Structures are given as C-alpha cells and as structure tokens.
Amino acid sequence: RALYMMTQCYGNPSSLHSLGAEAFRELETSRRAVARLIGAR
C-alpha cells in the first residue's frame, strides 16, 4: 500500500484536483481502519 501511494496515488491530500482527492480518500479509509482497531470513531 505504501508503494502504491508513493508511485501511483501520490497527490497531496490537501490538493483540490482529482489526484489529491484520491489521496485524501485513501487517508480517510486508513483512519477508519485504525480507529476500528481501538474502538474509536
């Protein structure tokens, strides 16, 4: 997943274009996964 983010989904999550939006979605997907791990929102 790290390699994918570095080589394909490499946009800045704060950028407004589509590559940035895709990176932001990945970031939020991971936030949900880690939050589930500790029983948090």
ModelCIF file with pLDDT and N, C-alpha, C, O atoms, coordinates in Angstrom:
data_MODEL
#
_entry.id   MODEL 
#
_entity.id                         1 
_entity.type                       polymer 
_entity.pdbx_number_of_molecules   1 
#
_entity_poly.entity_id                      1 
_entity_poly.type                           'polypeptide(L)' 
_entity_poly.nstd_linkage                   no 
_entity_poly.nstd_monomer                   no 
_entity_poly.pdbx_seq_one_letter_code       RALYMMTQCYGNPSSLHSLGAEAFRELETSRRAVARLIGAR 
_entity_poly.pdbx_seq_one_letter_code_can   RALYMMTQCYGNPSSLHSLGAEAFRELETSRRAVARLIGAR 
_entity_poly.pdbx_strand_id                 A 
#
loop_
_entity_poly_seq.entity_id 
_entity_poly_seq.num 
_entity_poly_seq.mon_id 
_entity_poly_seq.hetero 
1 1  ARG n 
1 2  ALA n 
1 3  LEU n 
1 4  TYR n 
1 5  MET n 
1 6  MET n 
1 7  THR n 
1 8  GLN n 
1 9  CYS n 
1 10 TYR n 
1 11 GLY n 
1 12 ASN n 
1 13 PRO n 
1 14 SER n 
1 15 SER n 
1 16 LEU n 
1 17 HIS n 
1 18 SER n 
1 19 LEU n 
1 20 GLY n 
1 21 ALA n 
1 22 GLU n 
1 23 ALA n 
1 24 PHE n 
1 25 ARG n 
1 26 GLU n 
1 27 LEU n 
1 28 GLU n 
1 29 THR n 
1 30 SER n 
1 31 ARG n 
1 32 ARG n 
1 33 ALA n 
1 34 VAL n 
1 35 ALA n 
1 36 ARG n 
1 37 LEU n 
1 38 ILE n 
1 39 GLY n 
1 40 ALA n 
1 41 ARG n 
#
_struct_asym.id          A 
_struct_asym.entity_id   1 
#
loop_
_ma_qa_metric.id 
_ma_qa_metric.mode 
_ma_qa_metric.name 
_ma_qa_metric.software_group_id 
_ma_qa_metric.type 
1 global pLDDT . pLDDT 
2 local  pLDDT . pLDDT 
#
_ma_qa_metric_global.metric_id      1 
_ma_qa_metric_global.metric_value   96.63 
_ma_qa_metric_global.model_id       1 
_ma_qa_metric_global.ordinal_id     1 
#
loop_
_ma_qa_metric_local.label_asym_id 
_ma_qa_metric_local.label_comp_id 
_ma_qa_metric_local.label_seq_id 
_ma_qa_metric_local.metric_id 
_ma_qa_metric_local.metric_value 
_ma_qa_metric_local.model_id 
_ma_qa_metric_local.ordinal_id 
A ARG 1  2 98.00 1 1  
A ALA 2  2 98.00 1 2  
A LEU 3  2 98.00 1 3  
A TYR 4  2 98.00 1 4  
A MET 5  2 98.00 1 5  
A MET 6  2 98.00 1 6  
A THR 7  2 98.00 1 7  
A GLN 8  2 97.00 1 8  
A CYS 9  2 97.00 1 9  
A TYR 10 2 96.00 1 10 
A GLY 11 2 97.00 1 11 
A ASN 12 2 95.00 1 12 
A PRO 13 2 95.00 1 13 
A SER 14 2 92.00 1 14 
A SER 15 2 93.00 1 15 
A LEU 16 2 92.00 1 16 
A HIS 17 2 96.00 1 17 
A SER 18 2 95.00 1 18 
A LEU 19 2 94.00 1 19 
A GLY 20 2 95.00 1 20 
A ALA 21 2 96.00 1 21 
A GLU 22 2 97.00 1 22 
A ALA 23 2 96.00 1 23 
A PHE 24 2 96.00 1 24 
A ARG 25 2 97.00 1 25 
A GLU 26 2 97.00 1 26 
A LEU 27 2 97.00 1 27 
A GLU 28 2 97.00 1 28 
A THR 29 2 98.00 1 29 
A SER 30 2 98.00 1 30 
A ARG 31 2 98.00 1 31 
A ARG 32 2 98.00 1 32 
A ALA 33 2 98.00 1 33 
A VAL 34 2 98.00 1 34 
A ALA 35 2 98.00 1 35 
A ARG 36 2 97.00 1 36 
A LEU 37 2 96.00 1 37 
A ILE 38 2 97.00 1 38 
A GLY 39 2 97.00 1 39 
A ALA 40 2 98.00 1 40 
A ARG 41 2 98.00 1 41 
#
loop_
_atom_site.group_PDB 
_atom_site.id 
_atom_site.type_symbol 
_atom_site.label_atom_id 
_atom_site.label_alt_id 
_atom_site.label_comp_id 
_atom_site.label_asym_id 
_atom_site.label_entity_id 
_atom_site.label_seq_id 
_atom_site.pdbx_PDB_ins_code 
_atom_site.Cartn_x 
_atom_site.Cartn_y 
_atom_site.Cartn_z 
_atom_site.occupancy 
_atom_site.B_iso_or_equiv 
_atom_site.pdbx_formal_charge 
_atom_site.auth_seq_id 
_atom_site.auth_comp_id 
_atom_site.auth_asym_id 
_atom_site.auth_atom_id 
_atom_site.pdbx_PDB_model_num 
ATOM 1   N N  . ARG A 1 1  ? 0.829   -1.208 0.000  1.00 98.00 ? 1  ARG A N  1 
ATOM 2   C CA . ARG A 1 1  ? 0.000   0.000  0.000  1.00 98.00 ? 1  ARG A CA 1 
ATOM 3   C C  . ARG A 1 1  ? 0.863   1.257  0.000  1.00 98.00 ? 1  ARG A C  1 
ATOM 4   O O  . ARG A 1 1  ? 0.535   2.242  -0.661 1.00 98.00 ? 1  ARG A O  1 
ATOM 5   N N  . ALA A 1 2  ? 1.957   1.219  0.738  1.00 98.00 ? 2  ALA A N  1 
ATOM 6   C CA . ALA A 1 2  ? 2.862   2.372  0.756  1.00 98.00 ? 2  ALA A CA 1 
ATOM 7   C C  . ALA A 1 2  ? 3.450   2.612  -0.631 1.00 98.00 ? 2  ALA A C  1 
ATOM 8   O O  . ALA A 1 2  ? 3.535   3.754  -1.082 1.00 98.00 ? 2  ALA A O  1 
ATOM 9   N N  . LEU A 1 3  ? 3.855   1.538  -1.305 1.00 98.00 ? 3  LEU A N  1 
ATOM 10  C CA . LEU A 1 3  ? 4.421   1.675  -2.643 1.00 98.00 ? 3  LEU A CA 1 
ATOM 11  C C  . LEU A 1 3  ? 3.392   2.245  -3.614 1.00 98.00 ? 3  LEU A C  1 
ATOM 12  O O  . LEU A 1 3  ? 3.712   3.104  -4.435 1.00 98.00 ? 3  LEU A O  1 
ATOM 13  N N  . TYR A 1 4  ? 2.163   1.766  -3.516 1.00 98.00 ? 4  TYR A N  1 
ATOM 14  C CA . TYR A 1 4  ? 1.091   2.284  -4.372 1.00 98.00 ? 4  TYR A CA 1 
ATOM 15  C C  . TYR A 1 4  ? 0.916   3.787  -4.156 1.00 98.00 ? 4  TYR A C  1 
ATOM 16  O O  . TYR A 1 4  ? 0.783   4.541  -5.120 1.00 98.00 ? 4  TYR A O  1 
ATOM 17  N N  . MET A 1 5  ? 0.916   4.221  -2.904 1.00 98.00 ? 5  MET A N  1 
ATOM 18  C CA . MET A 1 5  ? 0.721   5.637  -2.606 1.00 98.00 ? 5  MET A CA 1 
ATOM 19  C C  . MET A 1 5  ? 1.892   6.478  -3.081 1.00 98.00 ? 5  MET A C  1 
ATOM 20  O O  . MET A 1 5  ? 1.708   7.632  -3.468 1.00 98.00 ? 5  MET A O  1 
ATOM 21  N N  . MET A 1 6  ? 3.083   5.921  -3.056 1.00 98.00 ? 6  MET A N  1 
ATOM 22  C CA . MET A 1 6  ? 4.267   6.680  -3.475 1.00 98.00 ? 6  MET A CA 1 
ATOM 23  C C  . MET A 1 6  ? 4.412   6.757  -4.988 1.00 98.00 ? 6  MET A C  1 
ATOM 24  O O  . MET A 1 6  ? 4.986   7.715  -5.506 1.00 98.00 ? 6  MET A O  1 
ATOM 25  N N  . THR A 1 7  ? 3.900   5.766  -5.695 1.00 98.00 ? 7  THR A N  1 
ATOM 26  C CA . THR A 1 7  ? 4.159   5.709  -7.138 1.00 98.00 ? 7  THR A CA 1 
ATOM 27  C C  . THR A 1 7  ? 2.927   5.945  -8.009 1.00 98.00 ? 7  THR A C  1 
ATOM 28  O O  . THR A 1 7  ? 3.063   6.279  -9.186 1.00 98.00 ? 7  THR A O  1 
ATOM 29  N N  . GLN A 1 8  ? 1.726   5.775  -7.448 1.00 97.00 ? 8  GLN A N  1 
ATOM 30  C CA . GLN A 1 8  ? 0.515   5.943  -8.260 1.00 97.00 ? 8  GLN A CA 1 
ATOM 31  C C  . GLN A 1 8  ? -0.456  6.968  -7.671 1.00 97.00 ? 8  GLN A C  1 
ATOM 32  O O  . GLN A 1 8  ? -0.949  7.842  -8.384 1.00 97.00 ? 8  GLN A O  1 
ATOM 33  N N  . CYS A 1 9  ? -0.723  6.859  -6.386 1.00 97.00 ? 9  CYS A N  1 
ATOM 34  C CA . CYS A 1 9  ? -1.664  7.788  -5.750 1.00 97.00 ? 9  CYS A CA 1 
ATOM 35  C C  . CYS A 1 9  ? -0.870  8.811  -4.935 1.00 97.00 ? 9  CYS A C  1 
ATOM 36  O O  . CYS A 1 9  ? -1.021  8.897  -3.716 1.00 97.00 ? 9  CYS A O  1 
ATOM 37  N N  . TYR A 1 10 ? -0.032  9.575  -5.612 1.00 96.00 ? 10 TYR A N  1 
ATOM 38  C CA . TYR A 1 10 ? 0.973   10.400 -4.943 1.00 96.00 ? 10 TYR A CA 1 
ATOM 39  C C  . TYR A 1 10 ? 0.576   11.865 -4.757 1.00 96.00 ? 10 TYR A C  1 
ATOM 40  O O  . TYR A 1 10 ? 1.418   12.689 -4.399 1.00 96.00 ? 10 TYR A O  1 
ATOM 41  N N  . GLY A 1 11 ? -0.684  12.196 -4.994 1.00 97.00 ? 11 GLY A N  1 
ATOM 42  C CA . GLY A 1 11 ? -1.117  13.573 -4.821 1.00 97.00 ? 11 GLY A CA 1 
ATOM 43  C C  . GLY A 1 11 ? -1.087  14.021 -3.370 1.00 97.00 ? 11 GLY A C  1 
ATOM 44  O O  . GLY A 1 11 ? -1.132  13.201 -2.453 1.00 97.00 ? 11 GLY A O  1 
ATOM 45  N N  . ASN A 1 12 ? -1.009  15.344 -3.171 1.00 95.00 ? 12 ASN A N  1 
ATOM 46  C CA . ASN A 1 12 ? -1.095  15.919 -1.829 1.00 95.00 ? 12 ASN A CA 1 
ATOM 47  C C  . ASN A 1 12 ? -2.557  15.838 -1.379 1.00 95.00 ? 12 ASN A C  1 
ATOM 48  O O  . ASN A 1 12 ? -3.436  16.341 -2.079 1.00 95.00 ? 12 ASN A O  1 
ATOM 49  N N  . PRO A 1 13 ? -2.838  15.217 -0.224 1.00 95.00 ? 13 PRO A N  1 
ATOM 50  C CA . PRO A 1 13 ? -4.233  15.076 0.202  1.00 95.00 ? 13 PRO A CA 1 
ATOM 51  C C  . PRO A 1 13 ? -4.983  16.401 0.349  1.00 95.00 ? 13 PRO A C  1 
ATOM 52  O O  . PRO A 1 13 ? -6.213  16.416 0.387  1.00 95.00 ? 13 PRO A O  1 
ATOM 53  N N  . SER A 1 14 ? -4.251  17.505 0.431  1.00 92.00 ? 14 SER A N  1 
ATOM 54  C CA . SER A 1 14 ? -4.906  18.812 0.547  1.00 92.00 ? 14 SER A CA 1 
ATOM 55  C C  . SER A 1 14 ? -5.168  19.464 -0.807 1.00 92.00 ? 14 SER A C  1 
ATOM 56  O O  . SER A 1 14 ? -5.861  20.478 -0.880 1.00 92.00 ? 14 SER A O  1 
ATOM 57  N N  . SER A 1 15 ? -4.623  18.893 -1.874 1.00 93.00 ? 15 SER A N  1 
ATOM 58  C CA . SER A 1 15 ? -4.840  19.457 -3.209 1.00 93.00 ? 15 SER A CA 1 
ATOM 59  C C  . SER A 1 15 ? -6.277  19.217 -3.654 1.00 93.00 ? 15 SER A C  1 
ATOM 60  O O  . SER A 1 15 ? -6.892  18.213 -3.294 1.00 93.00 ? 15 SER A O  1 
ATOM 61  N N  . LEU A 1 16 ? -6.804  20.154 -4.445 1.00 92.00 ? 16 LEU A N  1 
ATOM 62  C CA . LEU A 1 16 ? -8.206  20.085 -4.847 1.00 92.00 ? 16 LEU A CA 1 
ATOM 63  C C  . LEU A 1 16 ? -8.447  19.281 -6.120 1.00 92.00 ? 16 LEU A C  1 
ATOM 64  O O  . LEU A 1 16 ? -9.595  18.984 -6.453 1.00 92.00 ? 16 LEU A O  1 
ATOM 65  N N  . HIS A 1 17 ? -7.368  18.922 -6.845 1.00 96.00 ? 17 HIS A N  1 
ATOM 66  C CA . HIS A 1 17 ? -7.563  18.152 -8.067 1.00 96.00 ? 17 HIS A CA 1 
ATOM 67  C C  . HIS A 1 17 ? -7.831  16.679 -7.747 1.00 96.00 ? 17 HIS A C  1 
ATOM 68  O O  . HIS A 1 17 ? -7.785  16.263 -6.589 1.00 96.00 ? 17 HIS A O  1 
ATOM 69  N N  . SER A 1 18 ? -8.107  15.912 -8.780 1.00 95.00 ? 18 SER A N  1 
ATOM 70  C CA . SER A 1 18 ? -8.561  14.531 -8.586 1.00 95.00 ? 18 SER A CA 1 
ATOM 71  C C  . SER A 1 18 ? -7.512  13.649 -7.929 1.00 95.00 ? 18 SER A C  1 
ATOM 72  O O  . SER A 1 18 ? -7.851  12.771 -7.135 1.00 95.00 ? 18 SER A O  1 
ATOM 73  N N  . LEU A 1 19 ? -6.239  13.871 -8.250 1.00 94.00 ? 19 LEU A N  1 
ATOM 74  C CA . LEU A 1 19 ? -5.193  13.041 -7.639 1.00 94.00 ? 19 LEU A CA 1 
ATOM 75  C C  . LEU A 1 19 ? -5.088  13.337 -6.141 1.00 94.00 ? 19 LEU A C  1 
ATOM 76  O O  . LEU A 1 19 ? -4.871  12.431 -5.337 1.00 94.00 ? 19 LEU A O  1 
ATOM 77  N N  . GLY A 1 20 ? -5.243  14.610 -5.777 1.00 95.00 ? 20 GLY A N  1 
ATOM 78  C CA . GLY A 1 20 ? -5.255  14.958 -4.357 1.00 95.00 ? 20 GLY A CA 1 
ATOM 79  C C  . GLY A 1 20 ? -6.472  14.388 -3.656 1.00 95.00 ? 20 GLY A C  1 
ATOM 80  O O  . GLY A 1 20 ? -6.373  13.906 -2.528 1.00 95.00 ? 20 GLY A O  1 
ATOM 81  N N  . ALA A 1 21 ? -7.627  14.441 -4.320 1.00 96.00 ? 21 ALA A N  1 
ATOM 82  C CA . ALA A 1 21 ? -8.851  13.903 -3.721 1.00 96.00 ? 21 ALA A CA 1 
ATOM 83  C C  . ALA A 1 21 ? -8.748  12.399 -3.501 1.00 96.00 ? 21 ALA A C  1 
ATOM 84  O O  . ALA A 1 21 ? -9.243  11.871 -2.505 1.00 96.00 ? 21 ALA A O  1 
ATOM 85  N N  . GLU A 1 22 ? -8.096  11.712 -4.447 1.00 97.00 ? 22 GLU A N  1 
ATOM 86  C CA . GLU A 1 22 ? -7.918  10.261 -4.294 1.00 97.00 ? 22 GLU A CA 1 
ATOM 87  C C  . GLU A 1 22 ? -7.013  9.960  -3.101 1.00 97.00 ? 22 GLU A C  1 
ATOM 88  O O  . GLU A 1 22 ? -7.286  9.039  -2.331 1.00 97.00 ? 22 GLU A O  1 
ATOM 89  N N  . ALA A 1 23 ? -5.940  10.733 -2.947 1.00 96.00 ? 23 ALA A N  1 
ATOM 90  C CA . ALA A 1 23 ? -5.043  10.545 -1.802 1.00 96.00 ? 23 ALA A CA 1 
ATOM 91  C C  . ALA A 1 23 ? -5.780  10.807 -0.491 1.00 96.00 ? 23 ALA A C  1 
ATOM 92  O O  . ALA A 1 23 ? -5.573  10.100 0.495  1.00 96.00 ? 23 ALA A O  1 
ATOM 93  N N  . PHE A 1 24 ? -6.634  11.819 -0.483 1.00 96.00 ? 24 PHE A N  1 
ATOM 94  C CA . PHE A 1 24 ? -7.404  12.130 0.719  1.00 96.00 ? 24 PHE A CA 1 
ATOM 95  C C  . PHE A 1 24 ? -8.355  10.986 1.068  1.00 96.00 ? 24 PHE A C  1 
ATOM 96  O O  . PHE A 1 24 ? -8.516  10.653 2.242  1.00 96.00 ? 24 PHE A O  1 
ATOM 97  N N  . ARG A 1 25 ? -8.981  10.388 0.066  1.00 97.00 ? 25 ARG A N  1 
ATOM 98  C CA . ARG A 1 25 ? -9.879  9.256  0.318  1.00 97.00 ? 25 ARG A CA 1 
ATOM 99  C C  . ARG A 1 25 ? -9.115  8.081  0.919  1.00 97.00 ? 25 ARG A C  1 
ATOM 100 O O  . ARG A 1 25 ? -9.610  7.406  1.822  1.00 97.00 ? 25 ARG A O  1 
ATOM 101 N N  . GLU A 1 26 ? -7.910  7.842  0.414  1.00 97.00 ? 26 GLU A N  1 
ATOM 102 C CA . GLU A 1 26 ? -7.088  6.761  0.970  1.00 97.00 ? 26 GLU A CA 1 
ATOM 103 C C  . GLU A 1 26 ? -6.745  7.046  2.429  1.00 97.00 ? 26 GLU A C  1 
ATOM 104 O O  . GLU A 1 26 ? -6.763  6.146  3.270  1.00 97.00 ? 26 GLU A O  1 
ATOM 105 N N  . LEU A 1 27 ? -6.435  8.299  2.715  1.00 97.00 ? 27 LEU A N  1 
ATOM 106 C CA . LEU A 1 27 ? -6.095  8.695  4.075  1.00 97.00 ? 27 LEU A CA 1 
ATOM 107 C C  . LEU A 1 27 ? -7.278  8.430  5.012  1.00 97.00 ? 27 LEU A C  1 
ATOM 108 O O  . LEU A 1 27 ? -7.096  7.898  6.107  1.00 97.00 ? 27 LEU A O  1 
ATOM 109 N N  . GLU A 1 28 ? -8.468  8.797  4.588  1.00 97.00 ? 28 GLU A N  1 
ATOM 110 C CA . GLU A 1 28 ? -9.649  8.616  5.433  1.00 97.00 ? 28 GLU A CA 1 
ATOM 111 C C  . GLU A 1 28 ? -10.039 7.145  5.566  1.00 97.00 ? 28 GLU A C  1 
ATOM 112 O O  . GLU A 1 28 ? -10.555 6.732  6.605  1.00 97.00 ? 28 GLU A O  1 
ATOM 113 N N  . THR A 1 29 ? -9.794  6.352  4.519  1.00 98.00 ? 29 THR A N  1 
ATOM 114 C CA . THR A 1 29 ? -10.025 4.904  4.621  1.00 98.00 ? 29 THR A CA 1 
ATOM 115 C C  . THR A 1 29 ? -9.126  4.303  5.697  1.00 98.00 ? 29 THR A C  1 
ATOM 116 O O  . THR A 1 29 ? -9.560  3.462  6.484  1.00 98.00 ? 29 THR A O  1 
ATOM 117 N N  . SER A 1 30 ? -7.879  4.741  5.722  1.00 98.00 ? 30 SER A N  1 
ATOM 118 C CA . SER A 1 30 ? -6.944  4.250  6.734  1.00 98.00 ? 30 SER A CA 1 
ATOM 119 C C  . SER A 1 30 ? -7.317  4.741  8.125  1.00 98.00 ? 30 SER A C  1 
ATOM 120 O O  . SER A 1 30 ? -7.160  4.010  9.103  1.00 98.00 ? 30 SER A O  1 
ATOM 121 N N  . ARG A 1 31 ? -7.807  5.968  8.221  1.00 98.00 ? 31 ARG A N  1 
ATOM 122 C CA . ARG A 1 31 ? -8.237  6.487  9.523  1.00 98.00 ? 31 ARG A CA 1 
ATOM 123 C C  . ARG A 1 31 ? -9.348  5.597  10.099 1.00 98.00 ? 31 ARG A C  1 
ATOM 124 O O  . ARG A 1 31 ? -9.355  5.292  11.291 1.00 98.00 ? 31 ARG A O  1 
ATOM 125 N N  . ARG A 1 32 ? -10.272 5.191  9.245  1.00 98.00 ? 32 ARG A N  1 
ATOM 126 C CA . ARG A 1 32 ? -11.355 4.317  9.710  1.00 98.00 ? 32 ARG A CA 1 
ATOM 127 C C  . ARG A 1 32 ? -10.814 2.970  10.166 1.00 98.00 ? 32 ARG A C  1 
ATOM 128 O O  . ARG A 1 32 ? -11.278 2.418  11.163 1.00 98.00 ? 32 ARG A O  1 
ATOM 129 N N  . ALA A 1 33 ? -9.835  2.439  9.442  1.00 98.00 ? 33 ALA A N  1 
ATOM 130 C CA . ALA A 1 33 ? -9.279  1.125  9.790  1.00 98.00 ? 33 ALA A CA 1 
ATOM 131 C C  . ALA A 1 33 ? -8.563  1.161  11.135 1.00 98.00 ? 33 ALA A C  1 
ATOM 132 O O  . ALA A 1 33 ? -8.744  0.266  11.961 1.00 98.00 ? 33 ALA A O  1 
ATOM 133 N N  . VAL A 1 34 ? -7.754  2.189  11.356 1.00 98.00 ? 34 VAL A N  1 
ATOM 134 C CA . VAL A 1 34 ? -7.020  2.291  12.624 1.00 98.00 ? 34 VAL A CA 1 
ATOM 135 C C  . VAL A 1 34 ? -7.979  2.596  13.764 1.00 98.00 ? 34 VAL A C  1 
ATOM 136 O O  . VAL A 1 34 ? -7.817  2.083  14.871 1.00 98.00 ? 34 VAL A O  1 
ATOM 137 N N  . ALA A 1 35 ? -8.974  3.427  13.497 1.00 98.00 ? 35 ALA A N  1 
ATOM 138 C CA . ALA A 1 35 ? -9.971  3.731  14.535 1.00 98.00 ? 35 ALA A CA 1 
ATOM 139 C C  . ALA A 1 35 ? -10.709 2.468  14.967 1.00 98.00 ? 35 ALA A C  1 
ATOM 140 O O  . ALA A 1 35 ? -10.966 2.277  16.156 1.00 98.00 ? 35 ALA A O  1 
ATOM 141 N N  . ARG A 1 36 ? -11.052 1.604  14.008 1.00 97.00 ? 36 ARG A N  1 
ATOM 142 C CA . ARG A 1 36 ? -11.730 0.338  14.350 1.00 97.00 ? 36 ARG A CA 1 
ATOM 143 C C  . ARG A 1 36 ? -10.852 -0.505 15.266 1.00 97.00 ? 36 ARG A C  1 
ATOM 144 O O  . ARG A 1 36 ? -11.349 -1.199 16.154 1.00 97.00 ? 36 ARG A O  1 
ATOM 145 N N  . LEU A 1 37 ? -9.558  -0.437 15.044 1.00 96.00 ? 37 LEU A N  1 
ATOM 146 C CA . LEU A 1 37 ? -8.613  -1.238 15.825 1.00 96.00 ? 37 LEU A CA 1 
ATOM 147 C C  . LEU A 1 37 ? -8.689  -0.916 17.313 1.00 96.00 ? 37 LEU A C  1 
ATOM 148 O O  . LEU A 1 37 ? -8.468  -1.792 18.149 1.00 96.00 ? 37 LEU A O  1 
ATOM 149 N N  . ILE A 1 38 ? -8.998  0.329  17.647 1.00 97.00 ? 38 ILE A N  1 
ATOM 150 C CA . ILE A 1 38 ? -9.028  0.740  19.050 1.00 97.00 ? 38 ILE A CA 1 
ATOM 151 C C  . ILE A 1 38 ? -10.439 1.094  19.517 1.00 97.00 ? 38 ILE A C  1 
ATOM 152 O O  . ILE A 1 38 ? -10.615 1.653  20.599 1.00 97.00 ? 38 ILE A O  1 
ATOM 153 N N  . GLY A 1 39 ? -11.439 0.769  18.701 1.00 97.00 ? 39 GLY A N  1 
ATOM 154 C CA . GLY A 1 39 ? -12.811 1.018  19.103 1.00 97.00 ? 39 GLY A CA 1 
ATOM 155 C C  . GLY A 1 39 ? -13.150 2.483  19.221 1.00 97.00 ? 39 GLY A C  1 
ATOM 156 O O  . GLY A 1 39 ? -13.830 2.891  20.162 1.00 97.00 ? 39 GLY A O  1 
ATOM 157 N N  . ALA A 1 40 ? -12.678 3.292  18.262 1.00 98.00 ? 40 ALA A N  1 
ATOM 158 C CA . ALA A 1 40 ? -12.920 4.731  18.280 1.00 98.00 ? 40 ALA A CA 1 
ATOM 159 C C  . ALA A 1 40 ? -13.641 5.169  17.012 1.00 98.00 ? 40 ALA A C  1 
ATOM 160 O O  . ALA A 1 40 ? -13.732 4.407  16.049 1.00 98.00 ? 40 ALA A O  1 
ATOM 161 N N  . ARG A 1 41 ? -14.152 6.391  17.013 1.00 98.00 ? 41 ARG A N  1 
ATOM 162 C CA . ARG A 1 41 ? -14.709 6.989  15.805 1.00 98.00 ? 41 ARG A CA 1 
ATOM 163 C C  . ARG A 1 41 ? -13.558 7.554  14.972 1.00 98.00 ? 41 ARG A C  1 
ATOM 164 O O  . ARG A 1 41 ? -13.788 8.111  13.899 1.00 98.00 ? 41 ARG A O  1 
#
